Amino acid sequence: MSLTSTLEAGRRDFLEATADLTPQQASTKPSPNAWSVLECIEHVVTVEHRFLGWIANGAEITPQRNGDNELRLFTMIRNRETKVEAPEVVRPTGRFTNLSDALAEFNAARDRSVEVITSHGEKLYALGAKHPRFGDLNGAEVFHVIDGHARRHAEQIRETVESLALRL
């Protein structure tokens, strides 16, 4: 599957997780220390923009494709069994007050990601970025992390909606 196809499948997964939510479901936290759906979306958008900045400012590296590492990153980041505290810089700040605006921003970020993949193609393997948790990555690996991250939070959104359904 191409990287663009992967990102588009991730977009569909994310949008399906947010489909048919009421404003109350979107803005309600399932517990005091948990994020609302709107906060999850804000976090995903913030991270995607941040990672796009890494690509835009990426250092030139020796191109190397490692399909095993791409799969490992994609799989590892999606795993919700391992809880990870988001760094302060990417924590939600309440930027979104409604689902429509939040999803429009998610789609704009994902459109930009697809555009970067399309314009860079194989050159992504020659761009380097340093992830605080995963270390040195090439541009393609960064996009696998972007997609896995959004899918991780799509699952979190499903868990939130399920939790709220039991409470509301």
Protein backbone atom coordinates (compact mmCIF):
# COMPACT_ATOMS: atom_id res chain seq x y z
CA MET A 1 0.00 0.00 0.00
CA SER A 2 1.36 3.43 -0.87
CA LEU A 3 2.02 5.99 1.83
CA THR A 4 -0.74 8.20 0.41
CA SER A 5 -3.19 5.28 0.54
CA THR A 6 -2.14 4.58 4.11
CA LEU A 7 -2.79 8.20 5.13
CA GLU A 8 -6.15 8.25 3.36
CA ALA A 9 -7.17 5.01 5.10
CA GLY A 10 -6.12 6.60 8.39
CA ARG A 11 -8.20 9.66 7.58
CA ARG A 12 -11.25 7.47 6.96
CA ASP A 13 -10.66 5.61 10.23
CA PHE A 14 -10.37 8.87 12.15
CA LEU A 15 -13.48 10.40 10.57
CA GLU A 16 -15.47 7.20 11.18
CA ALA A 17 -14.54 7.40 14.86
CA THR A 18 -16.01 10.91 15.01
CA ALA A 19 -19.09 10.28 12.88
CA ASP A 20 -22.51 11.06 14.30
CA LEU A 21 -21.26 12.57 17.56
CA THR A 22 -23.47 15.05 19.35
CA PRO A 23 -21.96 18.34 20.53
CA GLN A 24 -22.22 17.03 24.09
CA GLN A 25 -20.32 13.84 23.24
CA ALA A 26 -17.63 15.83 21.44
CA SER A 27 -16.99 18.20 24.32
CA THR A 28 -17.47 15.95 27.37
CA LYS A 29 -14.52 14.37 29.13
CA PRO A 30 -15.14 10.76 30.13
CA SER A 31 -13.25 11.43 33.39
CA PRO A 32 -11.54 14.45 34.93
CA ASN A 33 -8.05 13.42 33.73
CA ALA A 34 -9.10 12.25 30.26
CA TRP A 35 -9.43 14.24 27.06
CA SER A 36 -12.69 15.01 25.31
CA VAL A 37 -13.08 14.14 21.63
CA LEU A 38 -12.43 17.78 20.73
CA GLU A 39 -9.23 17.70 22.77
CA CYS A 40 -8.14 14.47 21.04
CA ILE A 41 -8.71 16.07 17.65
CA GLU A 42 -6.82 19.20 18.67
CA HIS A 43 -3.88 17.06 19.83
CA VAL A 44 -3.81 15.07 16.58
CA VAL A 45 -3.93 18.26 14.50
CA THR A 46 -1.17 19.88 16.57
CA VAL A 47 1.07 16.82 16.26
CA GLU A 48 0.48 16.48 12.51
CA HIS A 49 1.38 20.16 11.95
CA ARG A 50 4.44 19.79 14.15
CA PHE A 51 5.64 16.75 12.23
CA LEU A 52 5.02 18.50 8.91
CA GLY A 53 7.37 21.20 10.20
CA TRP A 54 9.99 18.54 10.85
CA ILE A 55 9.67 17.41 7.22
CA ALA A 56 9.83 20.98 5.90
CA ASN A 57 12.99 21.60 7.92
CA GLY A 58 14.39 18.09 7.62
CA ALA A 59 18.10 17.54 7.23
CA GLU A 60 19.37 15.79 4.15
CA ILE A 61 20.32 12.20 5.00
CA THR A 62 21.50 9.17 3.08
CA PRO A 63 18.31 7.64 1.66
CA GLN A 64 17.42 4.37 3.30
CA ARG A 65 14.14 2.51 3.18
CA ASN A 66 13.43 0.13 6.02
CA GLY A 67 9.99 -1.46 5.60
CA ASP A 68 10.34 -3.38 8.86
CA ASN A 69 10.97 -0.18 10.81
CA GLU A 70 8.06 1.57 9.08
CA LEU A 71 5.74 -1.27 10.09
CA ARG A 72 7.18 -1.37 13.62
CA LEU A 73 6.62 2.36 14.10
CA PHE A 74 3.11 2.26 12.64
CA THR A 75 2.15 -0.72 14.82
CA MET A 76 3.83 0.47 18.01
CA ILE A 77 2.32 3.93 18.01
CA ARG A 78 -1.20 2.57 17.42
CA ASN A 79 -0.99 0.33 20.48
CA ARG A 80 -3.20 1.83 23.20
CA GLU A 81 -2.00 -0.65 25.82
CA THR A 82 1.08 1.49 26.39
CA LYS A 83 0.01 4.82 27.81
CA VAL A 84 2.17 7.79 26.91
CA GLU A 85 1.86 11.26 28.40
CA ALA A 86 1.82 13.90 25.70
CA PRO A 87 4.54 16.54 25.96
CA GLU A 88 3.26 19.93 27.11
CA VAL A 89 3.81 21.49 23.67
CA VAL A 90 1.21 19.18 22.05
CA ARG A 91 -1.38 19.03 24.81
CA PRO A 92 -4.81 20.44 23.98
CA THR A 93 -5.53 24.02 24.97
CA GLY A 94 -9.26 24.19 24.14
CA ARG A 95 -8.71 25.60 20.66
CA PHE A 96 -11.81 23.93 19.25
CA THR A 97 -15.33 24.54 20.52
CA ASN A 98 -17.20 22.48 17.96
CA LEU A 99 -16.69 19.26 16.05
CA SER A 100 -17.12 20.80 12.60
CA ASP A 101 -14.21 23.23 13.07
CA ALA A 102 -12.02 20.56 14.64
CA LEU A 103 -12.60 18.10 11.80
CA ALA A 104 -12.04 20.81 9.20
CA GLU A 105 -8.61 21.44 10.76
CA PHE A 106 -7.87 17.70 10.86
CA ASN A 107 -8.76 17.40 7.18
CA ALA A 108 -6.64 20.44 6.30
CA ALA A 109 -3.64 18.95 8.12
CA ARG A 110 -4.14 15.58 6.46
CA ASP A 111 -4.55 17.26 3.04
CA ARG A 112 -1.21 18.98 3.63
CA SER A 113 0.41 15.66 4.60
CA VAL A 114 -0.85 14.00 1.42
CA GLU A 115 0.35 16.99 -0.60
CA VAL A 116 3.85 16.73 0.92
CA ILE A 117 4.01 13.00 0.20
CA THR A 118 2.88 13.56 -3.38
CA SER A 119 5.35 16.39 -3.99
CA HIS A 120 8.34 14.69 -2.34
CA GLY A 121 7.82 11.06 -3.37
CA GLU A 122 10.97 9.00 -2.88
CA LYS A 123 12.83 12.10 -1.65
CA LEU A 124 11.13 11.53 1.71
CA TYR A 125 13.71 8.81 2.36
CA ALA A 126 16.45 11.45 2.08
CA LEU A 127 14.90 13.78 4.70
CA GLY A 128 15.74 13.24 8.33
CA ALA A 129 13.96 14.23 11.51
CA LYS A 130 14.55 13.44 15.17
CA HIS A 131 11.56 12.23 17.15
CA PRO A 132 11.85 12.65 20.94
CA ARG A 133 10.77 9.05 21.57
CA PHE A 134 11.70 7.15 18.38
CA GLY A 135 14.98 8.89 17.55
CA ASP A 136 16.23 9.46 14.03
CA LEU A 137 13.60 8.89 11.33
CA ASN A 138 13.43 9.46 7.61
CA GLY A 139 10.50 11.40 6.16
CA ALA A 140 8.51 8.29 5.21
CA GLU A 141 8.87 6.95 8.73
CA VAL A 142 7.62 10.29 10.07
CA PHE A 143 4.46 9.86 8.00
CA HIS A 144 3.96 6.34 9.35
CA VAL A 145 4.15 7.82 12.84
CA ILE A 146 1.69 10.57 11.84
CA ASP A 147 -0.79 8.01 10.57
CA GLY A 148 -0.36 5.58 13.45
CA HIS A 149 -0.75 8.45 15.90
CA ALA A 150 -4.06 9.57 14.37
CA ARG A 151 -5.35 5.99 14.38
CA ARG A 152 -4.29 5.60 18.02
CA HIS A 153 -6.43 8.60 18.88
CA ALA A 154 -9.28 7.37 16.69
CA GLU A 155 -9.36 4.37 19.01
CA GLN A 156 -9.21 6.67 22.02
CA ILE A 157 -12.19 8.59 20.60
CA ARG A 158 -14.12 5.32 20.23
CA GLU A 159 -13.30 4.45 23.84
CA THR A 160 -14.42 7.91 24.95
CA VAL A 161 -17.71 7.66 23.09
CA GLU A 162 -18.32 4.20 24.53
CA SER A 163 -17.57 5.43 28.03
CA LEU A 164 -19.88 8.42 27.61
CA ALA A 165 -22.67 6.20 26.28
CA LEU A 166 -22.55 4.26 29.53
CA ARG A 167 -22.66 7.49 31.59
CA LEU A 168 -25.08 9.70 29.68
